[in-house]
Amino acid sequence: MDRRTMLRAAVVGAGTVALPFTAWPAAYGAPAQNATGPYGPLGAADANGIQLPAGFTSSVVARSRQTVPGTSYVWHDAPDGGAVIPDGDGWIYVSNSEVGSAAGGGASRIVFSATGQVVGASRILSGTDNNCAGGRTPWHTWLSCEEVSRGRVFETYPLGGTAVARPAMGRFKHEAAAADPVRQVVYLTEDEPDGKFYRFVPTAWGDLSAGTLQVLRAGSATSGSFTWATVPDPDGTPTATRRQVSGAKTFNGGEGCHYAGDTVWFTTKGDNRVWQINLAAGTYELAYDDDLVSPGSAPLTGVDNITGTSSGDLYVAEDGGTMDICVITPDDTVSVFLRVTGHSGSEITGPAFTPAGDRLYFSSQRGTSGSSSGGITYCVTGPFRD
């Protein structure tokens, strides 16, 4: 019995239903190596310029500066981090806009019916700067993060409500967030060459208005044990949060972040790595390093946003590279799942699965034009494994 089978047997035996939002990962023996992907080779580019494995199809959901089909709402520029929020029998896809406040920075939503038809779209956050990535909470809000010096986290309400800043979560160059309902904390990445990895411990779970910001402390190696230390001044002035705690481990350009089953994964673009932290064991190691891949060249470069599925597969989007979304499996393999052609001046952003796990949303932030006004948001459907 392989690790995937053992994992799924354990989940079923525990009477737990695993969804893409709470994916159960297998015991990765990182770092991942090249292998044939679980869906086979890519086919020729389709009408949308996307290469996919057999059985998968793509569609365009929205384009920047154009009305979202079926609504009167104009889709925002530079779509970036995203997530899917359950909404009755349907769902909502939320997406950040990585432009300045004067250019319309913030976040938007697209509302889908149970059959995947667009039934609405609207703005959920305005007047903020360079909202890059973020994270979904178990209480169905979206944490939209500003990627600027002393940036803020904004809690938005896709199901209804007014967005609010959460300064207790720290003022720094925020990237992504991932909620851990077991330890009742939120993990945070920092997009700096000497960035750190944080967790926010709310005073009360479900209320992010107050709490304690902590930073991961560890040695300089790529694996080992770690501890958490409190950041004295989360406001980050006059001393930046990343420079307040001695022994805080440096990560080169923190990007996407994903939590599932006592493990948190995050990406660092400066060295093309995916890190994994075993929260139960108190250890960290590499899930992927493009310098350690064999045989052949690394399929995944420019690592960025990351998400996961109930199968334990991780989907990692590229910022640059060959505009791929790659799959890292619990069997420690890495392969290309899809490739967007003709978008060399763009990056892939916002990968997120529906609750059923049969639809994957993502965006090309700048599309074929290479401009923030050229963003395109897609949906891929097909036989994703569960």
Protein backbone atom coordinates (compact mmCIF):
# COMPACT_ATOMS: atom_id res chain seq x y z
CA MET A 1 0.00 0.00 0.00
CA ASP A 2 1.53 3.36 -1.05
CA ARG A 3 1.43 6.52 1.03
CA ARG A 4 -1.55 7.95 -0.86
CA THR A 5 -3.61 4.80 -0.25
CA MET A 6 -2.55 4.68 3.39
CA LEU A 7 -3.51 8.32 3.83
CA ARG A 8 -6.93 7.97 2.24
CA ALA A 9 -7.63 4.81 4.25
CA ALA A 10 -6.79 6.70 7.42
CA VAL A 11 -9.09 9.59 6.46
CA VAL A 12 -12.01 7.32 5.59
CA GLY A 13 -11.43 5.30 8.74
CA ALA A 14 -11.68 8.45 10.79
CA GLY A 15 -15.03 9.27 9.21
CA THR A 16 -13.76 12.55 7.77
CA VAL A 17 -14.87 14.01 4.48
CA ALA A 18 -11.92 15.74 2.80
CA LEU A 19 -12.62 18.75 0.58
CA PRO A 20 -10.19 20.86 -1.46
CA PHE A 21 -10.36 23.52 1.27
CA THR A 22 -9.11 21.07 3.91
CA ALA A 23 -6.97 18.77 1.83
CA TRP A 24 -5.28 15.86 3.61
CA PRO A 25 -1.66 15.63 2.48
CA ALA A 26 0.37 12.44 2.43
CA ALA A 27 3.75 12.13 4.12
CA TYR A 28 5.88 13.87 1.52
CA GLY A 29 9.48 12.66 1.40
CA ALA A 30 10.69 15.90 -0.18
CA PRO A 31 12.08 17.28 -2.39
CA ALA A 32 10.00 16.26 -5.41
CA GLN A 33 11.60 14.90 -8.59
CA ASN A 34 10.61 14.82 -12.27
CA ALA A 35 8.14 12.17 -13.35
CA THR A 36 5.19 11.67 -15.66
CA GLY A 37 2.24 13.60 -14.30
CA PRO A 38 -0.94 11.97 -12.98
CA TYR A 39 -2.89 13.19 -16.04
CA GLY A 40 -0.40 12.44 -18.80
CA PRO A 41 1.20 14.76 -21.35
CA LEU A 42 -0.09 18.15 -22.44
CA GLY A 43 -2.04 18.42 -25.66
CA ALA A 44 -1.91 21.19 -28.24
CA ALA A 45 -3.01 24.65 -27.18
CA ASP A 46 -6.80 25.09 -27.26
CA ALA A 47 -8.73 28.12 -28.53
CA ASN A 48 -7.76 29.99 -25.35
CA GLY A 49 -4.07 29.25 -25.83
CA ILE A 50 -3.96 26.75 -22.96
CA GLN A 51 -2.29 23.35 -23.20
CA LEU A 52 -4.07 20.74 -21.08
CA PRO A 53 -4.01 16.97 -20.58
CA ALA A 54 -6.61 14.85 -22.35
CA GLY A 55 -10.09 15.17 -20.86
CA PHE A 56 -9.68 18.76 -19.61
CA THR A 57 -11.17 21.93 -21.11
CA SER A 58 -10.75 25.64 -20.46
CA SER A 59 -13.04 28.64 -20.63
CA VAL A 60 -12.62 32.39 -20.11
CA VAL A 61 -14.54 33.69 -17.10
CA ALA A 62 -13.60 37.38 -17.13
CA ARG A 63 -11.25 39.92 -18.72
CA SER A 64 -9.82 43.06 -17.13
CA ARG A 65 -11.71 46.25 -18.08
CA GLN A 66 -14.51 44.23 -19.63
CA THR A 67 -17.91 43.41 -18.19
CA VAL A 68 -18.07 39.98 -16.58
CA PRO A 69 -20.44 38.04 -18.88
CA GLY A 70 -23.92 37.84 -17.39
CA THR A 71 -23.35 40.86 -15.12
CA SER A 72 -22.87 44.63 -15.32
CA TYR A 73 -19.61 44.55 -13.33
CA VAL A 74 -16.30 45.46 -14.99
CA TRP A 75 -13.51 43.04 -13.98
CA HIS A 76 -10.50 44.58 -12.26
CA ASP A 77 -6.96 45.02 -13.57
CA ALA A 78 -4.10 42.65 -12.75
CA PRO A 79 -6.04 39.77 -11.13
CA ASP A 80 -3.81 38.07 -8.58
CA GLY A 81 -4.40 35.84 -5.54
CA GLY A 82 -7.76 34.13 -5.36
CA ALA A 83 -9.89 31.59 -3.53
CA VAL A 84 -13.26 29.85 -3.74
CA ILE A 85 -15.84 30.47 -1.01
CA PRO A 86 -18.87 28.13 -0.65
CA ASP A 87 -22.18 29.93 -1.17
CA GLY A 88 -25.19 27.72 -0.60
CA ASP A 89 -25.35 25.28 -3.51
CA GLY A 90 -22.97 27.47 -5.52
CA TRP A 91 -19.70 29.24 -4.85
CA ILE A 92 -17.86 32.54 -5.13
CA TYR A 93 -14.46 33.13 -6.70
CA VAL A 94 -12.63 36.05 -5.09
CA SER A 95 -9.67 37.76 -6.73
CA ASN A 96 -7.23 40.49 -5.74
CA SER A 97 -6.19 43.38 -7.97
CA GLU A 98 -2.44 44.01 -7.81
CA VAL A 99 -2.45 47.70 -8.71
CA GLY A 100 -2.21 50.85 -6.61
CA SER A 101 -5.15 52.44 -4.83
CA ALA A 102 -5.46 55.20 -7.44
CA ALA A 103 -5.68 52.58 -10.19
CA GLY A 104 -8.42 50.58 -8.49
CA GLY A 105 -6.54 48.25 -6.13
CA GLY A 106 -8.58 45.95 -3.92
CA ALA A 107 -10.55 42.77 -4.58
CA SER A 108 -13.64 41.54 -6.45
CA ARG A 109 -15.89 38.52 -6.52
CA ILE A 110 -17.72 36.45 -9.13
CA VAL A 111 -20.78 34.51 -7.94
CA PHE A 112 -21.57 31.13 -9.48
CA SER A 113 -24.67 28.95 -9.36
CA ALA A 114 -24.60 25.25 -8.49
CA THR A 115 -24.11 24.50 -12.20
CA GLY A 116 -21.18 26.88 -12.55
CA GLN A 117 -23.05 29.68 -14.30
CA VAL A 118 -22.12 33.28 -13.44
CA VAL A 119 -24.99 34.92 -11.56
CA GLY A 120 -23.28 38.02 -10.18
CA ALA A 121 -20.07 40.00 -9.72
CA SER A 122 -19.09 42.96 -7.55
CA ARG A 123 -16.32 44.75 -5.70
CA ILE A 124 -15.57 43.62 -2.10
CA LEU A 125 -12.54 45.86 -1.33
CA SER A 126 -11.46 49.25 -2.68
CA GLY A 127 -8.81 51.89 -2.08
CA THR A 128 -5.94 49.57 -1.14
CA ASP A 129 -2.47 49.06 -2.63
CA ASN A 130 -1.02 46.17 -4.61
CA ASN A 131 -3.25 43.45 -3.21
CA CYS A 132 -1.24 40.43 -4.23
CA ALA A 133 -2.15 37.15 -2.54
CA GLY A 134 -4.15 36.34 0.59
CA GLY A 135 -6.04 33.46 2.11
CA ARG A 136 -9.48 32.04 2.85
CA THR A 137 -10.70 31.61 6.43
CA PRO A 138 -12.85 28.78 7.83
CA TRP A 139 -15.60 31.35 8.50
CA HIS A 140 -15.70 32.16 4.76
CA THR A 141 -13.96 35.51 4.64
CA TRP A 142 -11.09 36.43 2.33
CA LEU A 143 -7.87 37.92 3.69
CA SER A 144 -6.58 40.31 1.04
CA CYS A 145 -2.93 41.27 1.58
CA GLU A 146 -1.08 44.41 0.47
CA GLU A 147 2.34 43.75 -1.04
CA VAL A 148 3.87 47.11 -0.06
CA SER A 149 6.16 48.27 2.73
CA ARG A 150 4.12 48.21 5.96
CA GLY A 151 1.26 46.68 4.01
CA ARG A 152 -1.91 45.59 5.74
CA VAL A 153 -4.19 42.57 5.79
CA PHE A 154 -7.83 43.34 5.02
CA GLU A 155 -10.57 40.93 5.98
CA THR A 156 -13.23 40.98 3.27
CA TYR A 157 -16.70 39.46 3.28
CA PRO A 158 -17.62 37.79 -0.03
CA LEU A 159 -20.95 36.62 1.42
CA GLY A 160 -21.81 40.17 2.50
CA GLY A 161 -20.29 42.77 4.81
CA THR A 162 -17.81 45.64 4.85
CA ALA A 163 -14.09 44.95 4.56
CA VAL A 164 -11.91 45.95 7.52
CA ALA A 165 -8.16 46.29 8.09
CA ARG A 166 -6.56 43.85 10.57
CA PRO A 167 -3.41 45.73 11.76
CA ALA A 168 -2.77 43.25 14.58
CA MET A 169 -1.69 40.80 11.86
CA GLY A 170 1.36 42.99 11.23
CA ARG A 171 2.44 45.80 8.93
CA PHE A 172 4.92 44.43 6.41
CA LYS A 173 5.16 43.44 2.74
CA HIS A 174 2.40 40.86 2.96
CA GLU A 175 1.93 38.13 0.40
CA ALA A 176 -0.23 35.12 1.34
CA ALA A 177 -2.15 33.78 4.33
CA ALA A 178 -3.31 30.29 5.33
CA ALA A 179 -5.65 29.49 8.23
CA ASP A 180 -4.95 26.54 10.54
CA PRO A 181 -8.17 25.59 12.38
CA VAL A 182 -6.38 22.96 14.50
CA ARG A 183 -3.91 25.33 16.14
CA GLN A 184 -6.27 28.28 15.54
CA VAL A 185 -3.66 30.48 13.89
CA VAL A 186 -3.09 32.13 10.51
CA TYR A 187 0.27 31.73 8.72
CA LEU A 188 1.66 34.67 6.76
CA THR A 189 4.40 35.03 4.13
CA GLU A 190 6.53 38.12 3.48
CA ASP A 191 7.74 39.10 0.01
CA GLU A 192 11.22 40.42 0.83
CA PRO A 193 14.64 38.95 -0.04
CA ASP A 194 15.21 38.69 3.71
CA GLY A 195 11.57 37.96 4.47
CA LYS A 196 10.28 35.90 7.36
CA PHE A 197 7.50 33.38 7.95
CA TYR A 198 4.91 34.41 10.55
CA ARG A 199 1.86 33.17 12.34
CA PHE A 200 -0.90 35.26 13.88
CA VAL A 201 -2.50 33.88 17.04
CA PRO A 202 -5.91 35.56 17.49
CA THR A 203 -7.10 36.30 21.00
CA ALA A 204 -10.33 34.56 19.96
CA TRP A 205 -10.53 32.21 16.97
CA GLY A 206 -12.75 33.70 14.30
CA ASP A 207 -11.95 37.27 15.36
CA LEU A 208 -8.78 38.73 13.79
CA SER A 209 -9.06 42.15 15.41
CA ALA A 210 -6.63 41.29 18.21
CA GLY A 211 -3.92 38.74 18.87
CA THR A 212 -0.19 38.03 18.83
CA LEU A 213 2.13 38.08 15.82
CA GLN A 214 4.93 35.51 15.95
CA VAL A 215 7.87 34.69 13.68
CA LEU A 216 9.48 31.34 12.91
CA ARG A 217 12.94 30.83 14.40
CA ALA A 218 15.28 28.16 13.02
CA GLY A 219 18.80 27.58 11.76
CA SER A 220 20.15 28.36 8.29
CA ALA A 221 19.78 24.79 6.94
CA THR A 222 17.03 23.65 4.59
CA SER A 223 15.64 21.27 7.20
CA GLY A 224 15.48 21.03 10.96
CA SER A 225 13.38 21.99 13.94
CA PHE A 226 11.83 25.38 14.66
CA THR A 227 10.19 27.48 17.35
CA TRP A 228 7.97 30.57 17.37
CA ALA A 229 8.90 33.92 18.92
CA THR A 230 6.67 36.95 19.51
CA VAL A 231 7.25 40.02 17.34
CA PRO A 232 7.46 42.93 19.85
CA ASP A 233 6.03 45.59 17.52
CA PRO A 234 3.68 44.26 14.79
CA ASP A 235 3.25 47.84 13.51
CA GLY A 236 6.74 47.58 12.06
CA THR A 237 7.91 51.11 12.81
CA PRO A 238 10.57 52.29 13.27
CA THR A 239 11.99 48.73 13.05
CA ALA A 240 10.60 46.38 10.40
CA THR A 241 8.94 43.24 11.79
CA ARG A 242 11.47 41.00 10.03
CA ARG A 243 14.34 42.66 11.92
CA GLN A 244 12.92 42.57 15.44
CA VAL A 245 13.58 38.98 16.53
CA SER A 246 17.08 37.50 16.75
CA GLY A 247 17.34 34.08 15.11
CA ALA A 248 14.26 34.50 12.91
CA LYS A 249 14.78 32.35 9.81
CA THR A 250 15.12 34.19 6.50
CA PHE A 251 13.18 33.10 3.42
CA ASN A 252 13.96 34.59 0.01
CA GLY A 253 10.77 36.20 -1.26
CA GLY A 254 7.81 34.49 0.38
CA GLU A 255 4.85 33.93 -1.94
CA GLY A 256 1.93 31.46 -1.80
CA CYS A 257 0.84 29.57 1.31
CA HIS A 258 -1.41 26.53 1.82
CA TYR A 259 -2.42 24.60 4.96
CA ALA A 260 -3.77 21.04 5.13
CA GLY A 261 -3.63 18.22 7.67
CA ASP A 262 -0.99 19.47 10.15
CA THR A 263 1.27 20.73 7.35
CA VAL A 264 1.74 24.20 5.91
CA TRP A 265 3.45 24.73 2.57
CA PHE A 266 4.76 28.02 1.22
CA THR A 267 6.79 29.12 -1.78
CA THR A 268 9.83 31.38 -2.07
CA LYS A 269 10.40 32.94 -5.49
CA GLY A 270 13.97 34.11 -4.87
CA ASP A 271 15.29 30.54 -4.84
CA ASN A 272 12.44 28.63 -6.54
CA ARG A 273 11.59 26.51 -3.55
CA VAL A 274 8.49 25.06 -1.93
CA TRP A 275 8.87 24.64 1.83
CA GLN A 276 6.83 22.36 4.05
CA ILE A 277 6.42 22.64 7.79
CA ASN A 278 5.31 19.63 9.78
CA LEU A 279 3.40 21.38 12.55
CA ALA A 280 2.81 18.26 14.61
CA ALA A 281 6.50 17.29 14.63
CA GLY A 282 7.85 20.83 14.82
CA THR A 283 10.12 20.36 11.79
CA TYR A 284 10.60 21.93 8.36
CA GLU A 285 12.09 20.75 5.05
CA LEU A 286 11.90 21.27 1.29
CA ALA A 287 9.03 19.94 -0.79
CA TYR A 288 10.63 21.26 -3.98
CA ASP A 289 13.90 22.92 -5.03
CA ASP A 290 14.57 23.55 -8.72
CA ASP A 291 18.31 23.03 -8.14
CA LEU A 292 17.70 19.50 -6.85
CA VAL A 293 15.42 18.15 -9.57
CA SER A 294 16.39 15.17 -11.71
CA PRO A 295 16.39 13.75 -14.28
CA GLY A 296 16.42 16.64 -16.72
CA SER A 297 15.60 20.28 -16.15
CA ALA A 298 13.26 21.64 -13.51
CA PRO A 299 9.64 21.94 -14.74
CA LEU A 300 8.69 24.52 -12.11
CA THR A 301 10.38 27.93 -11.99
CA GLY A 302 9.20 31.28 -10.71
CA VAL A 303 7.17 29.61 -7.97
CA ASP A 304 4.23 31.70 -6.79
CA ASN A 305 0.66 30.96 -5.66
CA ILE A 306 -0.06 27.48 -4.31
CA THR A 307 -3.18 25.48 -3.52
CA GLY A 308 -4.07 21.85 -2.86
CA THR A 309 -6.74 19.20 -3.33
CA SER A 310 -8.28 16.40 -1.30
CA SER A 311 -5.97 13.95 -3.08
CA GLY A 312 -2.99 15.61 -1.42
CA ASP A 313 -1.75 17.09 -4.70
CA LEU A 314 -0.25 20.58 -4.59
CA TYR A 315 -0.80 22.93 -7.54
CA VAL A 316 1.87 25.63 -7.90
CA ALA A 317 1.55 28.55 -10.33
CA GLU A 318 4.48 30.16 -12.11
CA ASP A 319 5.39 33.83 -12.17
CA GLY A 320 7.23 33.79 -15.51
CA GLY A 321 8.93 30.55 -16.51
CA THR A 322 6.85 28.87 -19.19
CA MET A 323 3.57 30.03 -17.61
CA ASP A 324 2.72 26.67 -16.09
CA ILE A 325 0.70 25.33 -13.23
CA CYS A 326 2.64 22.34 -11.94
CA VAL A 327 1.58 19.46 -9.73
CA ILE A 328 3.60 18.14 -6.79
CA THR A 329 2.19 14.80 -5.66
CA PRO A 330 2.37 12.98 -2.32
CA ASP A 331 4.57 10.48 -4.17
CA ASP A 332 7.24 13.21 -4.39
CA THR A 333 6.92 13.85 -8.12
CA VAL A 334 6.59 17.14 -9.98
CA SER A 335 5.13 17.67 -13.45
CA VAL A 336 3.38 20.28 -15.57
CA PHE A 337 -0.43 20.22 -15.38
CA LEU A 338 -1.18 23.09 -17.77
CA ARG A 339 0.65 25.73 -19.81
CA VAL A 340 -0.62 29.11 -20.99
CA THR A 341 0.92 30.03 -24.35
CA GLY A 342 1.48 33.51 -25.79
CA HIS A 343 1.55 35.20 -22.36
CA SER A 344 5.30 35.64 -21.89
CA GLY A 345 4.90 39.03 -20.19
CA SER A 346 2.46 37.75 -17.59
CA GLU A 347 2.27 35.45 -14.57
CA ILE A 348 -0.22 32.81 -13.44
CA THR A 349 -2.15 33.75 -10.32
CA GLY A 350 -5.02 32.78 -8.05
CA PRO A 351 -5.40 28.99 -8.53
CA ALA A 352 -8.38 27.73 -6.53
CA PHE A 353 -10.68 24.70 -6.68
CA THR A 354 -14.43 24.48 -6.22
CA PRO A 355 -15.80 22.48 -3.26
CA ALA A 356 -16.45 19.49 -5.54
CA GLY A 357 -12.87 19.65 -6.81
CA ASP A 358 -13.88 19.50 -10.48
CA ARG A 359 -13.17 23.10 -11.46
CA LEU A 360 -9.92 25.06 -11.19
CA TYR A 361 -9.98 28.85 -11.46
CA PHE A 362 -6.86 30.92 -12.14
CA SER A 363 -5.75 34.07 -13.94
CA SER A 364 -3.08 35.29 -16.31
CA GLN A 365 -2.41 38.58 -14.58
CA ARG A 366 -1.37 40.57 -17.66
CA GLY A 367 -2.61 38.32 -20.45
CA THR A 368 -1.12 38.53 -23.94
CA SER A 369 -0.57 42.29 -23.73
CA GLY A 370 1.84 42.23 -20.79
CA SER A 371 -0.18 45.08 -19.23
CA SER A 372 -2.22 45.09 -16.03
CA SER A 373 -5.23 45.99 -18.17
CA GLY A 374 -4.92 42.70 -20.07
CA GLY A 375 -5.67 40.25 -17.25
CA ILE A 376 -7.74 37.14 -18.00
CA THR A 377 -9.44 34.82 -15.51
CA TYR A 378 -10.05 31.21 -16.57
CA CYS A 379 -11.79 28.06 -15.46
CA VAL A 380 -10.50 24.55 -16.19
CA THR A 381 -12.82 21.56 -15.83
CA GLY A 382 -12.06 17.88 -16.05
CA PRO A 383 -11.38 14.62 -14.21
CA PHE A 384 -9.27 15.93 -11.33
CA ARG A 385 -8.45 13.00 -9.06
CA ASP A 386 -9.88 12.83 -5.54
